[in-house]
Protein backbone atom coordinates (compact mmCIF):
# COMPACT_ATOMS: atom_id res chain seq x y z
CA MET A 1 0.00 0.00 0.00
CA LEU A 2 2.67 2.47 1.13
CA ASN A 3 6.22 1.65 0.12
CA ILE A 4 9.17 3.85 1.06
CA THR A 5 12.61 3.02 -0.31
CA ASP A 6 15.97 4.54 0.64
CA LEU A 7 14.35 7.86 1.54
CA HIS A 8 16.63 10.77 2.43
CA ALA A 9 15.40 14.18 3.59
CA SER A 10 16.75 17.16 5.47
CA TYR A 11 15.29 19.70 7.85
CA GLY A 12 16.86 23.02 8.75
CA GLY A 13 19.94 22.20 6.69
CA SER A 14 20.65 18.93 8.51
CA LEU A 15 20.23 15.50 6.95
CA ILE A 16 17.56 13.80 9.10
CA LEU A 17 16.25 10.82 7.11
CA GLN A 18 19.19 8.68 6.10
CA GLY A 19 17.78 5.85 4.03
CA ILE A 20 14.28 5.00 5.30
CA ASP A 21 12.86 1.68 4.08
CA LEU A 22 9.29 0.97 5.15
CA ALA A 23 6.42 -1.11 3.77
CA VAL A 24 2.90 -0.61 5.12
CA LYS A 25 0.24 -3.18 4.22
CA GLN A 26 -3.27 -2.30 3.12
CA GLY A 27 -5.68 -2.12 6.05
CA GLU A 28 -3.06 -2.35 8.79
CA ILE A 29 -2.28 0.06 11.59
CA THR A 30 1.47 0.66 11.65
CA ALA A 31 3.17 2.54 14.48
CA ILE A 32 6.47 4.36 14.13
CA MET A 33 8.26 4.77 17.43
CA GLY A 34 11.59 6.17 18.58
CA ARG A 35 13.19 8.70 20.84
CA ASN A 36 12.84 12.44 20.26
CA GLY A 37 14.93 13.82 17.41
CA MET A 38 15.17 10.59 15.43
CA GLY A 39 13.20 11.86 12.41
CA LYS A 40 9.63 10.71 13.00
CA THR A 41 7.93 14.03 12.24
CA THR A 42 10.31 14.66 9.34
CA LEU A 43 9.21 11.33 7.87
CA MET A 44 5.52 12.25 8.16
CA LYS A 45 6.06 15.64 6.56
CA THR A 46 8.09 14.13 3.72
CA ILE A 47 5.40 11.55 2.96
CA VAL A 48 2.74 14.26 2.63
CA GLY A 49 4.98 16.60 0.62
CA LEU A 50 5.51 19.32 3.22
CA LEU A 51 9.25 18.62 3.10
CA PRO A 52 11.03 17.64 -0.14
CA ALA A 53 12.74 14.27 -0.47
CA MET A 54 16.41 14.56 -1.38
CA SER A 55 16.49 11.04 -2.80
CA GLY A 56 14.66 7.74 -2.59
CA SER A 57 11.04 6.99 -3.38
CA ILE A 58 7.56 6.98 -1.84
CA GLN A 59 4.90 4.91 -3.58
CA LEU A 60 1.19 4.74 -2.78
CA ASP A 61 -0.60 1.78 -4.34
CA GLY A 62 2.24 1.44 -6.82
CA GLN A 63 2.11 5.09 -7.91
CA MET A 64 5.05 7.39 -7.23
CA ILE A 65 4.14 10.36 -5.02
CA THR A 66 7.68 11.36 -3.99
CA HIS A 67 7.80 14.82 -5.55
CA LEU A 68 4.12 15.71 -5.72
CA LYS A 69 2.77 18.85 -4.07
CA PRO A 70 0.87 18.33 -0.79
CA HIS A 71 -2.55 18.95 -2.36
CA ARG A 72 -1.81 16.38 -5.08
CA ILE A 73 -0.81 13.81 -2.46
CA ALA A 74 -4.06 14.54 -0.59
CA GLU A 75 -5.96 13.99 -3.84
CA ARG A 76 -4.34 10.55 -4.13
CA GLY A 77 -6.01 9.60 -0.83
CA VAL A 78 -3.66 10.63 1.98
CA GLY A 79 -5.03 12.32 5.11
CA PHE A 80 -2.73 13.92 7.68
CA VAL A 81 -3.23 14.89 11.32
CA PRO A 82 -0.15 16.97 12.25
CA GLN A 83 1.51 17.23 15.61
CA GLY A 84 -0.20 20.02 17.52
CA ARG A 85 -3.47 19.42 15.62
CA GLU A 86 -3.49 22.84 13.84
CA ILE A 87 -7.23 23.33 13.97
CA PHE A 88 -8.66 26.84 13.47
CA GLY A 89 -9.60 27.96 16.95
CA ASP A 90 -11.73 30.94 15.87
CA PHE A 91 -13.80 28.77 13.54
CA THR A 92 -16.66 26.54 14.63
CA VAL A 93 -16.42 22.76 14.49
CA PHE A 94 -18.59 22.77 11.36
CA GLU A 95 -16.43 25.41 9.67
CA ASN A 96 -13.25 23.44 10.43
CA LEU A 97 -14.76 20.34 8.85
CA LYS A 98 -16.15 22.25 5.89
CA LEU A 99 -12.70 23.63 5.06
CA ALA A 100 -11.52 20.10 4.29
CA THR A 101 -14.09 19.80 1.50
CA LEU A 102 -13.05 22.92 -0.44
CA ARG A 103 -10.95 21.01 -2.96
CA PHE A 104 -14.11 19.27 -4.19
CA PRO A 105 -16.61 20.74 -6.67
CA ARG A 106 -19.23 22.80 -4.85
CA GLN A 107 -21.96 20.17 -5.21
CA LYS A 108 -19.77 17.54 -3.54
CA ARG A 109 -18.73 19.53 -0.47
CA GLN A 110 -20.65 17.43 2.04
CA ILE A 111 -19.46 16.33 5.46
CA PRO A 112 -20.07 12.56 5.72
CA SER A 113 -22.75 11.88 8.32
CA ALA A 114 -20.93 8.68 9.28
CA LEU A 115 -18.18 10.81 10.81
CA PHE A 116 -20.48 11.84 13.63
CA ALA A 117 -21.07 8.21 14.59
CA TYR A 118 -17.38 8.05 15.51
CA PHE A 119 -17.26 11.55 17.00
CA PRO A 120 -20.74 12.31 18.42
CA ILE A 121 -19.43 15.24 20.47
CA LEU A 122 -18.60 17.06 17.23
CA GLU A 123 -22.20 16.87 16.08
CA GLU A 124 -23.48 17.95 19.49
CA ARG A 125 -21.17 20.98 19.49
CA LYS A 126 -20.85 21.68 15.76
CA ASN A 127 -21.58 25.41 16.21
CA GLN A 128 -19.08 25.87 19.02
CA ARG A 129 -15.73 27.55 18.40
CA ALA A 130 -13.00 24.93 18.19
CA GLY A 131 -10.65 26.98 20.35
CA SER A 132 -12.92 26.42 23.34
CA PHE A 133 -12.44 22.64 23.13
CA SER A 134 -10.12 20.65 25.37
CA GLY A 135 -6.95 19.18 23.85
CA GLY A 136 -8.59 15.79 23.44
CA GLU A 137 -11.65 17.26 21.76
CA GLN A 138 -9.45 19.28 19.41
CA GLN A 139 -7.59 16.09 18.52
CA MET A 140 -10.87 14.39 17.65
CA LEU A 141 -11.76 17.37 15.46
CA ALA A 142 -8.38 17.20 13.71
CA MET A 143 -8.92 13.49 13.06
CA ALA A 144 -12.43 14.06 11.75
CA ARG A 145 -11.20 16.87 9.49
CA ALA A 146 -8.60 14.52 7.97
CA LEU A 147 -11.29 11.88 7.41
CA VAL A 148 -13.81 14.19 5.70
CA THR A 149 -12.35 13.44 2.27
CA HIS A 150 -12.43 9.64 2.70
CA PRO A 151 -8.66 9.03 2.55
CA LYS A 152 -7.35 5.51 2.06
CA LEU A 153 -4.24 6.28 4.13
CA LEU A 154 -4.35 8.27 7.38
CA LEU A 155 -1.15 9.60 8.96
CA LEU A 156 -1.14 10.81 12.56
CA ASP A 157 1.77 12.55 14.28
CA GLU A 158 1.80 12.20 18.10
CA PRO A 159 -2.00 12.22 18.58
CA SER A 160 -1.73 11.55 22.34
CA GLU A 161 0.50 14.56 23.05
CA GLY A 162 -0.85 16.68 25.90
CA ILE A 163 -4.03 14.63 26.29
CA GLN A 164 -5.26 12.94 29.47
CA PRO A 165 -4.98 9.13 29.56
CA SER A 166 -8.72 8.40 29.47
CA ILE A 167 -9.13 10.44 26.28
CA VAL A 168 -6.06 8.76 24.75
CA GLN A 169 -7.78 5.42 25.30
CA GLU A 170 -10.93 6.77 23.67
CA ILE A 171 -8.98 8.02 20.65
CA ALA A 172 -7.30 4.62 20.27
CA ARG A 173 -10.72 2.93 20.41
CA ILE A 174 -12.13 5.27 17.76
CA LEU A 175 -9.17 4.73 15.43
CA ARG A 176 -9.43 0.96 15.76
CA ASP A 177 -13.18 1.17 15.10
CA ILE A 178 -12.66 3.28 11.97
CA ASN A 179 -9.94 0.91 10.76
CA GLN A 180 -12.10 -2.17 11.23
CA LYS A 181 -15.23 -0.69 9.67
CA THR A 182 -13.69 1.13 6.71
CA GLY A 183 -10.44 -0.75 6.03
CA ILE A 184 -8.46 2.50 6.09
CA THR A 185 -4.70 2.09 6.45
CA ILE A 186 -3.22 4.04 9.37
CA VAL A 187 0.35 5.09 10.11
CA ILE A 188 0.80 6.62 13.55
CA VAL A 189 3.88 8.26 15.04
CA GLU A 190 3.59 7.90 18.77
CA GLN A 191 5.63 7.61 21.97
CA ASN A 192 2.76 6.45 24.17
CA VAL A 193 3.58 2.76 24.49
CA ASP A 194 0.23 1.78 26.02
CA MET A 195 -1.66 3.40 23.16
CA ILE A 196 0.40 1.51 20.58
CA LEU A 197 0.01 -1.81 22.37
CA ASP A 198 -3.77 -1.26 22.35
CA LEU A 199 -4.03 0.00 18.79
CA ALA A 200 -1.38 -1.04 16.28
CA ASP A 201 -0.76 -4.22 14.29
CA THR A 202 2.89 -3.57 13.46
CA CYS A 203 5.58 -1.38 14.99
CA ALA A 204 8.64 0.08 13.26
CA PHE A 205 11.42 1.63 15.32
CA LEU A 206 13.21 4.66 13.94
CA GLU A 207 16.69 5.60 15.13
CA LYS A 208 19.08 8.18 13.67
CA GLY A 209 17.05 8.54 10.51
CA ARG A 210 16.65 4.83 9.72
CA ILE A 211 14.14 2.09 10.42
CA VAL A 212 16.23 -0.26 12.55
CA ASP A 213 13.64 -2.86 13.60
CA THR A 214 10.11 -3.92 12.74
CA CYS A 215 7.88 -6.45 14.48
CA PRO A 216 4.23 -7.36 15.11
CA VAL A 217 2.79 -5.58 18.12
CA ASP A 218 1.82 -9.01 19.49
CA THR A 219 5.55 -9.60 19.92
CA LEU A 220 5.91 -6.39 21.94
CA ARG A 221 3.05 -7.40 24.22
CA LYS A 222 5.01 -10.54 25.17
CA ASP A 223 8.48 -9.01 25.22
CA GLU A 224 9.07 -5.27 25.57
CA SER A 225 12.84 -5.46 25.16
CA LEU A 226 12.69 -3.62 21.83
CA ILE A 227 10.74 -0.81 23.47
CA THR A 228 13.39 -0.56 26.17
CA ARG A 229 16.16 -0.59 23.56
CA TYR A 230 14.76 2.09 21.30
CA MET A 231 12.62 4.22 23.63
CA ALA A 232 14.54 4.41 26.90
CA VAL A 233 16.37 7.67 27.52
């Protein structure tokens, strides 16, 4: 589904990604974990075209997307929830969701009603300004906004950051539910080990700009030595 080969990219003049190889299967939830500063966010931004690849390739369903503009990558079916959420606080929930539809012809700019089955609080408070939401509620809005256009691949960068544990569990449950009901492929960058053990199918560990280990999450549930090796400070 998503195939990354020998990907190199820089940020701020420094080479960060130093030969990423990663294969993500259709319909799976893949976690990317690693210590701070190892290149996780750089990888997400390079996949969606916000940072240019210096070399290597990114393929989505066999089609090269390496050097496409971000809006073209979105058109190919990639949704992105950035670190920090980046919702529009002065806009209502409805307005935030509506913005995601603007690339469609006017007659097709509908917000899928099915979204509100996953996020009922957004329907209840659709006319409320998003800036008045808690961090967890804003994260749900950011996820819903990314899902408005029915992407086949959803990328999430640190969705648990700054959110209380009970809401993190709820977000993990919602993502798993969406994955199981729609078949959407999910790639999640995350340092919350409990969330990944609850949510993901596969985990890839990133260190110094390379994927250094990959295993089923079932393996991590039985033996957390890889987590200790690649996550411990």
